[in-house]
N, C-alpha and C. Protein backbone atom coordinates (compact mmCIF):
# COMPACT_ATOMS: atom_id res chain seq x y z
N MET A 1 -7.51 -0.82 -13.19
CA MET A 1 -6.65 -0.62 -12.93
C MET A 1 -5.06 -1.74 -12.78
N ARG A 2 -4.73 -1.31 -12.79
CA ARG A 2 -3.33 -2.72 -12.25
C ARG A 2 -1.97 -2.02 -11.74
N ALA A 3 -1.89 -2.45 -10.90
CA ALA A 3 -0.40 -2.15 -10.38
C ALA A 3 0.04 -3.50 -8.89
N THR A 4 1.04 -3.62 -9.08
CA THR A 4 2.16 -4.33 -8.62
C THR A 4 2.36 -3.96 -7.02
N ILE A 5 1.74 -5.21 -6.43
CA ILE A 5 2.14 -5.20 -4.63
C ILE A 5 3.10 -6.15 -4.37
N ASN A 6 3.81 -5.81 -4.13
CA ASN A 6 5.01 -6.80 -2.91
C ASN A 6 4.90 -7.79 -4.34
N GLY A 7 5.67 -7.10 -5.92
CA GLY A 7 5.96 -8.00 -6.50
C GLY A 7 5.42 -9.02 -7.61
N THR A 8 4.02 -8.49 -7.23
CA THR A 8 2.75 -9.62 -7.74
C THR A 8 1.65 -8.30 -7.92
N GLU A 9 1.32 -8.14 -9.74
CA GLU A 9 0.24 -8.38 -10.34
C GLU A 9 -0.93 -8.19 -9.78
N HIS A 10 -2.16 -6.75 -9.22
CA HIS A 10 -3.26 -7.16 -9.31
C HIS A 10 -4.17 -5.69 -9.97
N GLU A 11 -5.31 -6.59 -10.02
CA GLU A 11 -6.40 -5.67 -10.58
C GLU A 11 -7.12 -4.66 -9.44
N LEU A 12 -6.98 -3.04 -9.16
CA LEU A 12 -7.41 -2.38 -8.21
C LEU A 12 -8.61 -1.35 -9.18
N ARG A 13 -9.43 -1.79 -7.96
CA ARG A 13 -10.60 -0.27 -8.28
C ARG A 13 -9.89 0.82 -8.59
N ASP A 14 -10.64 2.04 -9.15
CA ASP A 14 -10.00 3.27 -9.78
C ASP A 14 -9.75 3.82 -8.72
N GLY A 15 -9.48 5.13 -8.19
CA GLY A 15 -9.57 6.12 -6.73
C GLY A 15 -9.31 5.28 -5.74
N LEU A 16 -9.05 4.10 -5.20
CA LEU A 16 -8.28 3.88 -4.14
C LEU A 16 -7.40 4.05 -3.52
N THR A 17 -7.37 4.47 -2.20
CA THR A 17 -6.20 5.26 -1.42
C THR A 17 -5.82 4.09 -1.12
N LEU A 18 -4.18 4.35 -0.39
CA LEU A 18 -3.67 3.49 0.21
C LEU A 18 -4.15 3.28 1.41
N ALA A 19 -4.87 4.33 2.93
CA ALA A 19 -5.78 3.59 3.76
C ALA A 19 -6.89 2.52 3.19
N GLU A 20 -7.20 2.71 2.01
CA GLU A 20 -8.10 1.45 1.54
C GLU A 20 -7.17 0.59 0.85
N LEU A 21 -6.93 -0.01 0.76
CA LEU A 21 -5.95 -0.96 -0.09
C LEU A 21 -5.34 -1.13 1.30
N LEU A 22 -4.78 -0.68 2.58
CA LEU A 22 -4.31 -1.90 3.38
C LEU A 22 -5.32 -2.24 4.44
N HIS A 23 -6.99 -1.33 4.05
CA HIS A 23 -7.90 -1.65 5.18
C HIS A 23 -8.00 -3.55 3.90
N GLU A 24 -8.44 -3.12 2.84
CA GLU A 24 -8.85 -3.86 2.38
C GLU A 24 -7.99 -5.45 2.10
N LEU A 25 -6.51 -5.39 2.57
CA LEU A 25 -6.02 -6.30 2.52
C LEU A 25 -5.58 -7.13 4.42
N GLY A 26 -6.27 -6.36 4.95
CA GLY A 26 -6.75 -6.34 6.92
C GLY A 26 -5.74 -6.44 7.33
N ILE A 27 -4.70 -5.72 6.78
CA ILE A 27 -3.29 -4.77 7.00
C ILE A 27 -3.21 -3.92 8.42
N GLU A 28 -3.04 -3.90 9.13
CA GLU A 28 -2.95 -2.33 10.12
C GLU A 28 -2.15 -1.60 10.02
N GLU A 29 -2.50 -0.20 9.50
CA GLU A 29 -1.81 0.75 9.47
C GLU A 29 -0.24 1.17 10.68
N SER A 30 -0.68 0.48 11.32
CA SER A 30 0.29 0.86 12.66
C SER A 30 1.10 -0.59 12.39
N GLY A 31 2.39 0.06 12.53
CA GLY A 31 3.79 -1.16 12.47
C GLY A 31 3.56 -1.45 11.16
N SER A 32 3.19 -1.11 10.39
CA SER A 32 3.56 -1.19 8.24
C SER A 32 4.12 0.22 8.05
N ALA A 33 5.47 -0.44 6.94
CA ALA A 33 5.92 0.84 6.36
C ALA A 33 5.27 0.55 4.47
N VAL A 34 4.82 1.45 4.12
CA VAL A 34 4.77 1.52 2.72
C VAL A 34 5.42 2.35 1.79
N ALA A 35 5.46 2.03 0.40
CA ALA A 35 6.56 2.70 -0.21
C ALA A 35 5.90 2.48 -2.24
N VAL A 36 5.32 3.78 -2.46
CA VAL A 36 5.16 3.48 -4.23
C VAL A 36 5.91 4.28 -4.59
N ASN A 37 6.25 3.21 -5.55
CA ASN A 37 7.24 3.37 -7.00
C ASN A 37 8.72 4.34 -5.81
N GLU A 38 8.92 3.47 -5.27
CA GLU A 38 9.95 3.35 -3.96
C GLU A 38 10.27 5.06 -3.13
N ARG A 39 9.40 5.07 -3.05
CA ARG A 39 9.23 6.15 -2.47
C ARG A 39 8.50 5.82 -0.81
N VAL A 40 8.99 6.36 0.36
CA VAL A 40 8.04 5.97 1.36
C VAL A 40 7.07 7.68 1.44
N VAL A 41 5.71 6.38 1.78
CA VAL A 41 4.66 7.27 2.22
C VAL A 41 3.97 7.57 3.62
N ARG A 42 4.36 8.45 4.04
CA ARG A 42 4.52 8.89 5.27
C ARG A 42 3.03 8.09 5.96
N ARG A 43 2.77 7.62 6.93
CA ARG A 43 1.43 7.23 7.77
C ARG A 43 -0.28 8.13 7.25
N PRO A 44 0.65 9.78 7.74
CA PRO A 44 -0.49 10.48 7.62
C PRO A 44 -1.07 10.46 6.49
N LEU A 45 -0.58 10.31 5.29
CA LEU A 45 -0.67 10.70 3.81
C LEU A 45 -0.89 9.06 3.26
N HIS A 46 -2.00 8.44 4.18
CA HIS A 46 -2.44 7.44 2.95
C HIS A 46 -3.37 7.64 2.82
N GLU A 47 -4.22 9.31 3.64
CA GLU A 47 -5.54 8.97 3.44
C GLU A 47 -5.56 8.89 2.39
N ALA A 48 -4.90 10.21 2.13
CA ALA A 48 -4.71 11.48 0.95
C ALA A 48 -3.98 10.37 -0.75
N THR A 49 -3.33 9.44 -0.23
CA THR A 49 -2.62 9.03 -1.60
C THR A 49 -3.19 8.34 -2.48
N LYS A 50 -3.68 7.96 -3.46
CA LYS A 50 -4.34 7.59 -4.35
C LYS A 50 -3.39 6.73 -5.33
N ILE A 51 -3.97 5.12 -5.26
CA ILE A 51 -2.34 4.09 -6.17
C ILE A 51 -2.81 4.63 -7.66
N ASN A 52 -1.76 4.93 -8.67
CA ASN A 52 -2.70 5.45 -9.66
C ASN A 52 -2.02 3.36 -10.74
N ASP A 53 -1.94 3.76 -11.99
CA ASP A 53 -2.11 2.61 -12.85
C ASP A 53 -0.76 2.66 -12.69
N GLY A 54 0.03 1.70 -13.05
CA GLY A 54 1.49 1.36 -13.08
C GLY A 54 1.97 1.67 -11.90
N ASP A 55 1.22 2.03 -10.67
CA ASP A 55 2.36 2.00 -9.85
C ASP A 55 3.00 0.39 -9.08
N ALA A 56 4.32 0.50 -8.54
CA ALA A 56 4.89 -0.29 -7.67
C ALA A 56 4.60 0.00 -6.38
N ILE A 57 3.86 -1.37 -5.42
CA ILE A 57 3.70 -0.38 -4.12
C ILE A 57 4.68 -2.02 -2.70
N GLU A 58 4.84 -1.33 -2.30
CA GLU A 58 5.14 -2.51 -1.57
C GLU A 58 5.31 -2.02 -0.02
N ILE A 59 4.73 -3.45 0.78
CA ILE A 59 3.99 -2.83 1.62
C ILE A 59 4.79 -3.75 2.92
N ILE A 60 5.34 -3.32 3.65
CA ILE A 60 5.97 -3.78 4.77
C ILE A 60 6.09 -3.75 5.96
N HIS A 61 4.74 -4.97 7.19
CA HIS A 61 4.72 -5.01 8.03
C HIS A 61 5.50 -5.72 9.75
N ALA A 62 5.61 -4.97 10.51
CA ALA A 62 7.00 -5.90 11.89
C ALA A 62 5.65 -6.51 12.29
N VAL A 63 6.93 -7.63 12.67
CA VAL A 63 6.15 -9.16 13.43
C VAL A 63 6.86 -9.07 14.67
N ALA A 64 6.18 -8.93 15.49
CA ALA A 64 6.61 -9.69 16.98
C ALA A 64 7.22 -10.83 17.26
N GLY A 65 7.90 -11.33 18.06
CA GLY A 65 8.54 -13.09 18.03
C GLY A 65 9.82 -13.12 18.56
N GLY A 66 10.01 -14.03 18.25
CA GLY A 66 11.48 -14.20 18.58
C GLY A 66 12.33 -15.06 17.78
């Protein structure tokens, strides 16, 4: 299955959830916002949200500093 993550196309395994994707990418769920096909997915739904072929995923994570 193919999905676009932050503008770059990736080959992903079937059945992957948002929570699993973030874990595989080494991104902490806290401090991150995720949108799938331009719709924000709230953190409590990451475990249940499966990624589908052709999805466009945007991941934004907060960075501390000044």
